[in-house]
Amino acid sequence: MTKMDVTDNDFDEKVVEQSRKIPVLVDFWASWCGPCMMLGPVLDKVADDMNGKVILAKMNVDEGQEKAVFYNISSIPAVKLFKDGRVVAEFIGARPESAVKEWLESNI
């Protein structure tokens, strides 16, 4: 499993706990957000290219406002990398595939 959707209800189990075994990249997004729609496929491809070294979790902030508030999401798309149960790196805004891949490889 390299991709999954997460909600407020299962975020801790699917992201925080899972990140103790394998890094989890979380995409905080919304359907009305243009840059989110551009970044989503980039994250999908980068996660696929990582060959199981990372899991991509997608969190719709309109459906999961509790975790969005908890993790101080004030602008989207917001991407956070979880390792060992905590956020270890993050960025905001759409980025090209090469920049996302470089960022991810330097942080996992």
PDB file of N, CA and C in Angstrom:
ATOM      1  N   MET A   1       0.851  -1.194   0.000  1.00  0.00           N
ATOM      2  CA  MET A   1       0.000   0.000   0.000  1.00  0.00           C
ATOM      3  C   MET A   1       0.889   1.247   0.000  1.00  0.00           C
ATOM      4  N   THR A   2       0.829   1.998  -1.062  1.00  0.00           N
ATOM      5  CA  THR A   2       1.631   3.215  -1.110  1.00  0.00           C
ATOM      6  C   THR A   2       0.784   4.476  -1.025  1.00  0.00           C
ATOM      7  N   LYS A   3      -0.559   4.345  -1.204  1.00  0.00           N
ATOM      8  CA  LYS A   3      -1.434   5.521  -1.137  1.00  0.00           C
ATOM      9  C   LYS A   3      -2.694   5.194  -0.363  1.00  0.00           C
ATOM     10  N   MET A   4      -3.180   6.184   0.379  1.00  0.00           N
ATOM     11  CA  MET A   4      -4.424   6.000   1.118  1.00  0.00           C
ATOM     12  C   MET A   4      -5.045   7.353   1.435  1.00  0.00           C
ATOM     13  N   ASP A   5      -6.356   7.352   1.634  1.00  0.00           N
ATOM     14  CA  ASP A   5      -7.060   8.531   2.119  1.00  0.00           C
ATOM     15  C   ASP A   5      -7.166   8.404   3.628  1.00  0.00           C
ATOM     16  N   VAL A   6      -7.040   9.524   4.323  1.00  0.00           N
ATOM     17  CA  VAL A   6      -7.171   9.508   5.777  1.00  0.00           C
ATOM     18  C   VAL A   6      -8.195  10.544   6.214  1.00  0.00           C
ATOM     19  N   THR A   7      -8.760  10.325   7.392  1.00  0.00           N
ATOM     20  CA  THR A   7      -9.756  11.222   7.973  1.00  0.00           C
ATOM     21  C   THR A   7      -9.324  11.582   9.392  1.00  0.00           C
ATOM     22  N   ASP A   8     -10.078  12.485  10.017  1.00  0.00           N
ATOM     23  CA  ASP A   8      -9.804  12.797  11.419  1.00  0.00           C
ATOM     24  C   ASP A   8      -9.837  11.532  12.271  1.00  0.00           C
ATOM     25  N   ASN A   9     -10.768  10.633  11.966  1.00  0.00           N
ATOM     26  CA  ASN A   9     -10.967   9.431  12.778  1.00  0.00           C
ATOM     27  C   ASN A   9      -9.831   8.424  12.701  1.00  0.00           C
ATOM     28  N   ASP A  10      -9.192   8.297  11.533  1.00  0.00           N
ATOM     29  CA  ASP A  10      -8.139   7.276  11.410  1.00  0.00           C
ATOM     30  C   ASP A  10      -6.740   7.851  11.201  1.00  0.00           C
ATOM     31  N   PHE A  11      -6.593   9.165  11.286  1.00  0.00           N
ATOM     32  CA  PHE A  11      -5.313   9.819  11.037  1.00  0.00           C
ATOM     33  C   PHE A  11      -4.207   9.293  11.963  1.00  0.00           C
ATOM     34  N   ASP A  12      -4.495   9.233  13.257  1.00  0.00           N
ATOM     35  CA  ASP A  12      -3.459   8.811  14.206  1.00  0.00           C
ATOM     36  C   ASP A  12      -2.978   7.387  13.913  1.00  0.00           C
ATOM     37  N   GLU A  13      -3.916   6.509  13.596  1.00  0.00           N
ATOM     38  CA  GLU A  13      -3.555   5.117  13.308  1.00  0.00           C
ATOM     39  C   GLU A  13      -2.814   4.993  11.979  1.00  0.00           C
ATOM     40  N   LYS A  14      -3.384   5.595  10.913  1.00  0.00           N
ATOM     41  CA  LYS A  14      -2.828   5.416   9.566  1.00  0.00           C
ATOM     42  C   LYS A  14      -1.585   6.254   9.296  1.00  0.00           C
ATOM     43  N   VAL A  15      -1.459   7.396   9.978  1.00  0.00           N
ATOM     44  CA  VAL A  15      -0.309   8.274   9.723  1.00  0.00           C
ATOM     45  C   VAL A  15       0.699   8.210  10.867  1.00  0.00           C
ATOM     46  N   VAL A  16       0.277   8.634  12.047  1.00  0.00           N
ATOM     47  CA  VAL A  16       1.217   8.748  13.162  1.00  0.00           C
ATOM     48  C   VAL A  16       1.806   7.385  13.529  1.00  0.00           C
ATOM     49  N   GLU A  17       0.954   6.389  13.757  1.00  0.00           N
ATOM     50  CA  GLU A  17       1.461   5.064  14.145  1.00  0.00           C
ATOM     51  C   GLU A  17       2.219   4.392  13.004  1.00  0.00           C
ATOM     52  N   GLN A  18       1.694   4.475  11.792  1.00  0.00           N
ATOM     53  CA  GLN A  18       2.355   3.859  10.635  1.00  0.00           C
ATOM     54  C   GLN A  18       3.736   4.470  10.398  1.00  0.00           C
ATOM     55  N   SER A  19       3.893   5.759  10.717  1.00  0.00           N
ATOM     56  CA  SER A  19       5.176   6.437  10.469  1.00  0.00           C
ATOM     57  C   SER A  19       6.284   5.925  11.378  1.00  0.00           C
ATOM     58  N   ARG A  20       5.924   5.146  12.366  1.00  0.00           N
ATOM     59  CA  ARG A  20       6.947   4.528  13.217  1.00  0.00           C
ATOM     60  C   ARG A  20       7.629   3.362  12.487  1.00  0.00           C
ATOM     61  N   LYS A  21       6.967   2.863  11.413  1.00  0.00           N
ATOM     62  CA  LYS A  21       7.509   1.751  10.623  1.00  0.00           C
ATOM     63  C   LYS A  21       8.075   2.222   9.290  1.00  0.00           C
ATOM     64  N   ILE A  22       7.370   3.170   8.648  1.00  0.00           N
ATOM     65  CA  ILE A  22       7.754   3.667   7.327  1.00  0.00           C
ATOM     66  C   ILE A  22       7.322   5.128   7.241  1.00  0.00           C
ATOM     67  N   PRO A  23       8.126   6.002   6.616  1.00  0.00           N
ATOM     68  CA  PRO A  23       7.726   7.405   6.515  1.00  0.00           C
ATOM     69  C   PRO A  23       6.378   7.561   5.801  1.00  0.00           C
ATOM     70  N   VAL A  24       5.569   8.498   6.296  1.00  0.00           N
ATOM     71  CA  VAL A  24       4.262   8.778   5.701  1.00  0.00           C
ATOM     72  C   VAL A  24       4.232  10.234   5.265  1.00  0.00           C
ATOM     73  N   LEU A  25       3.988  10.428   3.984  1.00  0.00           N
ATOM     74  CA  LEU A  25       3.882  11.752   3.387  1.00  0.00           C
ATOM     75  C   LEU A  25       2.403  12.127   3.364  1.00  0.00           C
ATOM     76  N   VAL A  26       2.035  13.238   3.999  1.00  0.00           N
ATOM     77  CA  VAL A  26       0.629  13.626   4.073  1.00  0.00           C
ATOM     78  C   VAL A  26       0.386  14.866   3.223  1.00  0.00           C
ATOM     79  N   ASP A  27      -0.583  14.734   2.324  1.00  0.00           N
ATOM     80  CA  ASP A  27      -1.019  15.826   1.458  1.00  0.00           C
ATOM     81  C   ASP A  27      -2.319  16.379   2.025  1.00  0.00           C
ATOM     82  N   PHE A  28      -2.271  17.580   2.608  1.00  0.00           N
ATOM     83  CA  PHE A  28      -3.471  18.273   3.078  1.00  0.00           C
ATOM     84  C   PHE A  28      -3.984  19.095   1.901  1.00  0.00           C
ATOM     85  N   TRP A  29      -5.192  18.807   1.422  1.00  0.00           N
ATOM     86  CA  TRP A  29      -5.700  19.384   0.183  1.00  0.00           C
ATOM     87  C   TRP A  29      -7.203  19.637   0.283  1.00  0.00           C
ATOM     88  N   ALA A  30      -7.764  20.265  -0.760  1.00  0.00           N
ATOM     89  CA  ALA A  30      -9.215  20.440  -0.898  1.00  0.00           C
ATOM     90  C   ALA A  30      -9.551  20.453  -2.385  1.00  0.00           C
ATOM     91  N   SER A  31     -10.760  20.019  -2.709  1.00  0.00           N
ATOM     92  CA  SER A  31     -11.156  19.888  -4.116  1.00  0.00           C
ATOM     93  C   SER A  31     -11.254  21.229  -4.836  1.00  0.00           C
ATOM     94  N   TRP A  32     -11.469  22.319  -4.107  1.00  0.00           N
ATOM     95  CA  TRP A  32     -11.616  23.644  -4.718  1.00  0.00           C
ATOM     96  C   TRP A  32     -10.268  24.353  -4.909  1.00  0.00           C
ATOM     97  N   CYS A  33      -9.191  23.727  -4.483  1.00  0.00           N
ATOM     98  CA  CYS A  33      -7.860  24.349  -4.490  1.00  0.00           C
ATOM     99  C   CYS A  33      -7.101  23.985  -5.771  1.00  0.00           C
ATOM    100  N   GLY A  34      -6.928  24.959  -6.654  1.00  0.00           N
ATOM    101  CA  GLY A  34      -6.224  24.734  -7.918  1.00  0.00           C
ATOM    102  C   GLY A  34      -4.818  24.177  -7.745  1.00  0.00           C
ATOM    103  N   PRO A  35      -3.973  24.809  -6.914  1.00  0.00           N
ATOM    104  CA  PRO A  35      -2.625  24.276  -6.710  1.00  0.00           C
ATOM    105  C   PRO A  35      -2.635  22.853  -6.138  1.00  0.00           C
ATOM    106  N   CYS A  36      -3.656  22.527  -5.328  1.00  0.00           N
ATOM    107  CA  CYS A  36      -3.773  21.160  -4.792  1.00  0.00           C
ATOM    108  C   CYS A  36      -3.986  20.167  -5.928  1.00  0.00           C
ATOM    109  N   MET A  37      -4.798  20.559  -6.906  1.00  0.00           N
ATOM    110  CA  MET A  37      -5.091  19.678  -8.034  1.00  0.00           C
ATOM    111  C   MET A  37      -3.845  19.470  -8.898  1.00  0.00           C
ATOM    112  N   MET A  38      -2.959  20.470  -8.928  1.00  0.00           N
ATOM    113  CA  MET A  38      -1.705  20.332  -9.674  1.00  0.00           C
ATOM    114  C   MET A  38      -0.700  19.468  -8.905  1.00  0.00           C
ATOM    115  N   LEU A  39      -0.645  19.631  -7.594  1.00  0.00           N
ATOM    116  CA  LEU A  39       0.339  18.916  -6.786  1.00  0.00           C
ATOM    117  C   LEU A  39      -0.034  17.454  -6.575  1.00  0.00           C
ATOM    118  N   GLY A  40      -1.314  17.142  -6.481  1.00  0.00           N
ATOM    119  CA  GLY A  40      -1.760  15.770  -6.215  1.00  0.00           C
ATOM    120  C   GLY A  40      -1.128  14.726  -7.119  1.00  0.00           C
ATOM    121  N   PRO A  41      -1.231  14.882  -8.442  1.00  0.00           N
ATOM    122  CA  PRO A  41      -0.614  13.889  -9.345  1.00  0.00           C
ATOM    123  C   PRO A  41       0.910  13.821  -9.213  1.00  0.00           C
ATOM    124  N   VAL A  42       1.541  14.947  -8.887  1.00  0.00           N
ATOM    125  CA  VAL A  42       2.996  14.960  -8.682  1.00  0.00           C
ATOM    126  C   VAL A  42       3.345  14.090  -7.477  1.00  0.00           C
ATOM    127  N   LEU A  43       2.600  14.267  -6.379  1.00  0.00           N
ATOM    128  CA  LEU A  43       2.855  13.461  -5.182  1.00  0.00           C
ATOM    129  C   LEU A  43       2.596  11.981  -5.454  1.00  0.00           C
ATOM    130  N   ASP A  44       1.529  11.693  -6.215  1.00  0.00           N
ATOM    131  CA  ASP A  44       1.233  10.304  -6.583  1.00  0.00           C
ATOM    132  C   ASP A  44       2.423   9.672  -7.298  1.00  0.00           C
ATOM    133  N   LYS A  45       2.963  10.379  -8.277  1.00  0.00           N
ATOM    134  CA  LYS A  45       4.065   9.840  -9.072  1.00  0.00           C
ATOM    135  C   LYS A  45       5.331   9.679  -8.231  1.00  0.00           C
ATOM    136  N   VAL A  46       5.638  10.691  -7.432  1.00  0.00           N
ATOM    137  CA  VAL A  46       6.845  10.617  -6.599  1.00  0.00           C
ATOM    138  C   VAL A  46       6.723   9.458  -5.609  1.00  0.00           C
ATOM    139  N   ALA A  47       5.558   9.288  -5.007  1.00  0.00           N
ATOM    140  CA  ALA A  47       5.354   8.182  -4.063  1.00  0.00           C
ATOM    141  C   ALA A  47       5.521   6.842  -4.782  1.00  0.00           C
ATOM    142  N   ASP A  48       4.960   6.730  -5.988  1.00  0.00           N
ATOM    143  CA  ASP A  48       5.114   5.501  -6.770  1.00  0.00           C
ATOM    144  C   ASP A  48       6.585   5.232  -7.083  1.00  0.00           C
ATOM    145  N   ASP A  49       7.302   6.289  -7.447  1.00  0.00           N
ATOM    146  CA  ASP A  49       8.715   6.144  -7.809  1.00  0.00           C
ATOM    147  C   ASP A  49       9.596   5.752  -6.618  1.00  0.00           C
ATOM    148  N   MET A  50       9.100   5.953  -5.404  1.00  0.00           N
ATOM    149  CA  MET A  50       9.889   5.636  -4.213  1.00  0.00           C
ATOM    150  C   MET A  50       9.864   4.136  -3.901  1.00  0.00           C
ATOM    151  N   ASN A  51       9.083   3.375  -4.672  1.00  0.00           N
ATOM    152  CA  ASN A  51       9.081   1.904  -4.557  1.00  0.00           C
ATOM    153  C   ASN A  51       8.895   1.397  -3.126  1.00  0.00           C
ATOM    154  N   GLY A  52       7.895   1.914  -2.434  1.00  0.00           N
ATOM    155  CA  GLY A  52       7.584   1.409  -1.105  1.00  0.00           C
ATOM    156  C   GLY A  52       8.379   2.010   0.032  1.00  0.00           C
ATOM    157  N   LYS A  53       9.221   3.006  -0.232  1.00  0.00           N
ATOM    158  CA  LYS A  53      10.007   3.636   0.830  1.00  0.00           C
ATOM    159  C   LYS A  53       9.189   4.655   1.611  1.00  0.00           C
ATOM    160  N   VAL A  54       8.014   5.009   1.081  1.00  0.00           N
ATOM    161  CA  VAL A  54       7.160   6.006   1.721  1.00  0.00           C
ATOM    162  C   VAL A  54       5.704   5.686   1.380  1.00  0.00           C
ATOM    163  N   ILE A  55       4.809   6.065   2.279  1.00  0.00           N
ATOM    164  CA  ILE A  55       3.368   5.940   2.037  1.00  0.00           C
ATOM    165  C   ILE A  55       2.812   7.348   1.856  1.00  0.00           C
ATOM    166  N   LEU A  56       1.934   7.519   0.883  1.00  0.00           N
ATOM    167  CA  LEU A  56       1.287   8.801   0.647  1.00  0.00           C
ATOM    168  C   LEU A  56      -0.118   8.757   1.224  1.00  0.00           C
ATOM    169  N   ALA A  57      -0.405   9.686   2.129  1.00  0.00           N
ATOM    170  CA  ALA A  57      -1.736   9.800   2.724  1.00  0.00           C
ATOM    171  C   ALA A  57      -2.338  11.129   2.284  1.00  0.00           C
ATOM    172  N   LYS A  58      -3.600  11.086   1.866  1.00  0.00           N
ATOM    173  CA  LYS A  58      -4.276  12.301   1.410  1.00  0.00           C
ATOM    174  C   LYS A  58      -5.369  12.659   2.403  1.00  0.00           C
ATOM    175  N   MET A  59      -5.318  13.920   2.867  1.00  0.00           N
ATOM    176  CA  MET A  59      -6.259  14.405   3.873  1.00  0.00           C
ATOM    177  C   MET A  59      -7.010  15.603   3.318  1.00  0.00           C
ATOM    178  N   ASN A  60      -8.301  15.414   3.030  1.00  0.00           N
ATOM    179  CA  ASN A  60      -9.138  16.507   2.547  1.00  0.00           C
ATOM    180  C   ASN A  60      -9.484  17.399   3.739  1.00  0.00           C
ATOM    181  N   VAL A  61      -8.987  18.638   3.727  1.00  0.00           N
ATOM    182  CA  VAL A  61      -9.173  19.519   4.889  1.00  0.00           C
ATOM    183  C   VAL A  61     -10.623  19.941   5.080  1.00  0.00           C
ATOM    184  N   ASP A  62     -11.441  19.875   4.037  1.00  0.00           N
ATOM    185  CA  ASP A  62     -12.863  20.188   4.203  1.00  0.00           C
ATOM    186  C   ASP A  62     -13.573  19.083   4.973  1.00  0.00           C
ATOM    187  N   GLU A  63     -13.063  17.876   4.874  1.00  0.00           N
ATOM    188  CA  GLU A  63     -13.667  16.739   5.574  1.00  0.00           C
ATOM    189  C   GLU A  63     -12.960  16.438   6.889  1.00  0.00           C
ATOM    190  N   GLY A  64     -11.734  16.899   7.037  1.00  0.00           N
ATOM    191  CA  GLY A  64     -10.942  16.617   8.233  1.00  0.00           C
ATOM    192  C   GLY A  64     -10.380  17.877   8.849  1.00  0.00           C
ATOM    193  N   GLN A  65     -11.242  18.715   9.361  1.00  0.00           N
ATOM    194  CA  GLN A  65     -10.782  20.003   9.884  1.00  0.00           C
ATOM    195  C   GLN A  65     -10.064  19.895  11.224  1.00  0.00           C
ATOM    196  N   GLU A  66     -10.383  18.866  11.995  1.00  0.00           N
ATOM    197  CA  GLU A  66      -9.763  18.712  13.314  1.00  0.00           C
ATOM    198  C   GLU A  66      -8.246  18.554  13.195  1.00  0.00           C
ATOM    199  N   LYS A  67      -7.782  17.653  12.339  1.00  0.00           N
ATOM    200  CA  LYS A  67      -6.337  17.433  12.170  1.00  0.00           C
ATOM    201  C   LYS A  67      -5.694  18.619  11.446  1.00  0.00           C
ATOM    202  N   ALA A  68      -6.424  19.242  10.537  1.00  0.00           N
ATOM    203  CA  ALA A  68      -5.890  20.422   9.851  1.00  0.00           C
ATOM    204  C   ALA A  68      -5.589  21.527  10.864  1.00  0.00           C
ATOM    205  N   VAL A  69      -6.479  21.729  11.811  1.00  0.00           N
ATOM    206  CA  VAL A  69      -6.255  22.726  12.862  1.00  0.00           C
ATOM    207  C   VAL A  69      -5.103  22.276  13.768  1.00  0.00           C
ATOM    208  N   PHE A  70      -5.117  21.003  14.154  1.00  0.00           N
ATOM    209  CA  PHE A  70      -4.078  20.472  15.046  1.00  0.00           C
ATOM    210  C   PHE A  70      -2.682  20.662  14.462  1.00  0.00           C
ATOM    211  N   TYR A  71      -2.550  20.457  13.152  1.00  0.00           N
ATOM    212  CA  TYR A  71      -1.239  20.579  12.505  1.00  0.00           C
ATOM    213  C   TYR A  71      -1.015  21.954  11.880  1.00  0.00           C
ATOM    214  N   ASN A  72      -1.805  22.940  12.307  1.00  0.00           N
ATOM    215  CA  ASN A  72      -1.627  24.341  11.904  1.00  0.00           C
ATOM    216  C   ASN A  72      -1.645  24.551  10.395  1.00  0.00           C
ATOM    217  N   ILE A  73      -2.579  23.905   9.714  1.00  0.00           N
ATOM    218  CA  ILE A  73      -2.700  24.079   8.275  1.00  0.00           C
ATOM    219  C   ILE A  73      -3.454  25.376   8.020  1.00  0.00           C
ATOM    220  N   SER A  74      -2.745  26.389   7.532  1.00  0.00           N
ATOM    221  CA  SER A  74      -3.380  27.671   7.254  1.00  0.00           C
ATOM    222  C   SER A  74      -3.405  27.974   5.765  1.00  0.00           C
ATOM    223  N   SER A  75      -2.656  27.208   4.995  1.00  0.00           N
ATOM    224  CA  SER A  75      -2.603  27.374   3.550  1.00  0.00           C
ATOM    225  C   SER A  75      -2.443  25.995   2.926  1.00  0.00           C
ATOM    226  N   ILE A  76      -3.118  25.785   1.800  1.00  0.00           N
ATOM    227  CA  ILE A  76      -3.000  24.486   1.121  1.00  0.00           C
ATOM    228  C   ILE A  76      -2.622  24.708  -0.334  1.00  0.00           C
ATOM    229  N   PRO A  77      -1.999  23.741  -0.971  1.00  0.00           N
ATOM    230  CA  PRO A  77      -1.640  22.443  -0.423  1.00  0.00           C
ATOM    231  C   PRO A  77      -0.517  22.548   0.611  1.00  0.00           C
ATOM    232  N   ALA A  78      -0.652  21.745   1.652  1.00  0.00           N
ATOM    233  CA  ALA A  78       0.387  21.646   2.676  1.00  0.00           C
ATOM    234  C   ALA A  78       0.809  20.179   2.728  1.00  0.00           C
ATOM    235  N   VAL A  79       2.094  19.951   2.706  1.00  0.00           N
ATOM    236  CA  VAL A  79       2.628  18.593   2.699  1.00  0.00           C
ATOM    237  C   VAL A  79       3.522  18.430   3.922  1.00  0.00           C
ATOM    238  N   LYS A  80       3.277  17.362   4.674  1.00  0.00           N
ATOM    239  CA  LYS A  80       4.072  17.088   5.870  1.00  0.00           C
ATOM    240  C   LYS A  80       4.575  15.652   5.802  1.00  0.00           C
ATOM    241  N   LEU A  81       5.815  15.466   6.186  1.00  0.00           N
ATOM    242  CA  LEU A  81       6.419  14.137   6.227  1.00  0.00           C
ATOM    243  C   LEU A  81       6.520  13.703   7.684  1.00  0.00           C
ATOM    244  N   PHE A  82       5.887  12.564   7.981  1.00  0.00           N
ATOM    245  CA  PHE A  82       5.908  12.006   9.330  1.00  0.00           C
ATOM    246  C   PHE A  82       6.886  10.842   9.387  1.00  0.00           C
ATOM    247  N   LYS A  83       7.733  10.865  10.419  1.00  0.00           N
ATOM    248  CA  LYS A  83       8.628   9.745  10.718  1.00  0.00           C
ATOM    249  C   LYS A  83       8.648   9.589  12.224  1.00  0.00           C
ATOM    250  N   ASP A  84       8.666   8.355  12.679  1.00  0.00           N
ATOM    251  CA  ASP A  84       8.730   8.083  14.118  1.00  0.00           C
ATOM    252  C   ASP A  84       7.646   8.815  14.897  1.00  0.00           C
ATOM    253  N   GLY A  85       6.463   8.943  14.293  1.00  0.00           N
ATOM    254  CA  GLY A  85       5.319   9.527  14.984  1.00  0.00           C
ATOM    255  C   GLY A  85       5.254  11.036  15.020  1.00  0.00           C
ATOM    256  N   ARG A  86       6.137  11.709  14.292  1.00  0.00           N
ATOM    257  CA  ARG A  86       6.110  13.185  14.320  1.00  0.00           C
ATOM    258  C   ARG A  86       6.457  13.775  12.957  1.00  0.00           C
ATOM    259  N   VAL A  87       6.147  15.062  12.796  1.00  0.00           N
ATOM    260  CA  VAL A  87       6.463  15.775  11.556  1.00  0.00           C
ATOM    261  C   VAL A  87       7.961  16.076  11.549  1.00  0.00           C
ATOM    262  N   VAL A  88       8.633  15.666  10.469  1.00  0.00           N
ATOM    263  CA  VAL A  88      10.074  15.908  10.367  1.00  0.00           C
ATOM    264  C   VAL A  88      10.423  16.898   9.258  1.00  0.00           C
ATOM    265  N   ALA A  89       9.485  17.137   8.341  1.00  0.00           N
ATOM    266  CA  ALA A  89       9.717  18.097   7.251  1.00  0.00           C
ATOM    267  C   ALA A  89       8.364  18.479   6.668  1.00  0.00           C
ATOM    268  N   GLU A  90       8.310  19.653   6.044  1.00  0.00           N
ATOM    269  CA  GLU A  90       7.057  20.102   5.454  1.00  0.00           C
ATOM    270  C   GLU A  90       7.303  21.201   4.424  1.00  0.00           C
ATOM    271  N   PHE A  91       6.316  21.372   3.539  1.00  0.00           N
ATOM    272  CA  PHE A  91       6.332  22.497   2.619  1.00  0.00           C
ATOM    273  C   PHE A  91       4.897  22.862   2.260  1.00  0.00           C
ATOM    274  N   ILE A  92       4.734  24.084   1.763  1.00  0.00           N
ATOM    275  CA  ILE A  92       3.415  24.591   1.371  1.00  0.00           C
ATOM    276  C   ILE A  92       3.486  25.025  -0.079  1.00  0.00           C
ATOM    277  N   GLY A  93       2.424  24.724  -0.828  1.00  0.00           N
ATOM    278  CA  GLY A  93       2.326  25.170  -2.213  1.00  0.00           C
ATOM    279  C   GLY A  93       2.721  24.092  -3.197  1.00  0.00           C
ATOM    280  N   ALA A  94       2.306  24.297  -4.441  1.00  0.00           N
ATOM    281  CA  ALA A  94       2.629  23.353  -5.504  1.00  0.00           C
ATOM    282  C   ALA A  94       4.104  23.477  -5.872  1.00  0.00           C
ATOM    283  N   ARG A  95       4.717  22.344  -6.160  1.00  0.00           N
ATOM    284  CA  ARG A  95       6.121  22.307  -6.583  1.00  0.00           C
ATOM    285  C   ARG A  95       6.241  21.335  -7.741  1.00  0.00           C
ATOM    286  N   PRO A  96       7.251  21.527  -8.584  1.00  0.00           N
ATOM    287  CA  PRO A  96       7.460  20.573  -9.684  1.00  0.00           C
ATOM    288  C   PRO A  96       7.955  19.237  -9.143  1.00  0.00           C
ATOM    289  N   GLU A  97       7.769  18.209  -9.946  1.00  0.00           N
ATOM    290  CA  GLU A  97       8.135  16.853  -9.541  1.00  0.00           C
ATOM    291  C   GLU A  97       9.587  16.753  -9.070  1.00  0.00           C
ATOM    292  N   SER A  98      10.499  17.365  -9.801  1.00  0.00           N
ATOM    293  CA  SER A  98      11.924  17.260  -9.432  1.00  0.00           C
ATOM    294  C   SER A  98      12.175  17.850  -8.043  1.00  0.00           C
ATOM    295  N   ALA A  99      11.520  18.954  -7.721  1.00  0.00           N
ATOM    296  CA  ALA A  99      11.712  19.588  -6.408  1.00  0.00           C
ATOM    297  C   ALA A  99      11.110  18.736  -5.294  1.00  0.00           C
ATOM    298  N   VAL A 100       9.942  18.156  -5.544  1.00  0.00           N
ATOM    299  CA  VAL A 100       9.308  17.295  -4.537  1.00  0.00           C
ATOM    300  C   VAL A 100      10.166  16.057  -4.293  1.00  0.00           C
ATOM    301  N   LYS A 101      10.648  15.456  -5.361  1.00  0.00           N
ATOM    302  CA  LYS A 101      11.468  14.253  -5.235  1.00  0.00           C
ATOM    303  C   LYS A 101      12.750  14.542  -4.456  1.00  0.00           C
ATOM    304  N   GLU A 102      13.406  15.633  -4.780  1.00  0.00           N
ATOM    305  CA  GLU A 102      14.636  16.017  -4.087  1.00  0.00           C
ATOM    306  C   GLU A 102      14.357  16.275  -2.609  1.00  0.00           C
ATOM    307  N   TRP A 103      13.277  17.001  -2.313  1.00  0.00           N
ATOM    308  CA  TRP A 103      12.886  17.307  -0.938  1.00  0.00           C
ATOM    309  C   TRP A 103      12.628  16.008  -0.163  1.00  0.00           C
ATOM    310  N   LEU A 104      11.864  15.107  -0.772  1.00  0.00           N
ATOM    311  CA  LEU A 104      11.505  13.868  -0.102  1.00  0.00           C
ATOM    312  C   LEU A 104      12.734  13.003   0.146  1.00  0.00           C
ATOM    313  N   GLU A 105      13.567  12.834  -0.864  1.00  0.00           N
ATOM    314  CA  GLU A 105      14.766  11.999  -0.716  1.00  0.00           C
ATOM    315  C   GLU A 105      15.713  12.535   0.347  1.00  0.00           C
ATOM    316  N   SER A 106      15.772  13.840   0.493  1.00  0.00           N
ATOM    317  CA  SER A 106      16.677  14.423   1.500  1.00  0.00           C
ATOM    318  C   SER A 106      16.103  14.333   2.908  1.00  0.00           C
ATOM    319  N   ASN A 107      14.805  14.002   3.023  1.00  0.00           N
ATOM    320  CA  ASN A 107      14.172  13.964   4.339  1.00  0.00           C
ATOM    321  C   ASN A 107      13.771  12.575   4.826  1.00  0.00           C
ATOM    322  N   ILE A 108      13.804  11.568   3.943  1.00  0.00           N
ATOM    323  CA  ILE A 108      13.471  10.226   4.428  1.00  0.00           C
ATOM    324  C   ILE A 108      14.755   9.550   4.779  1.00  0.00           C
TER     325      ILE A 108
END
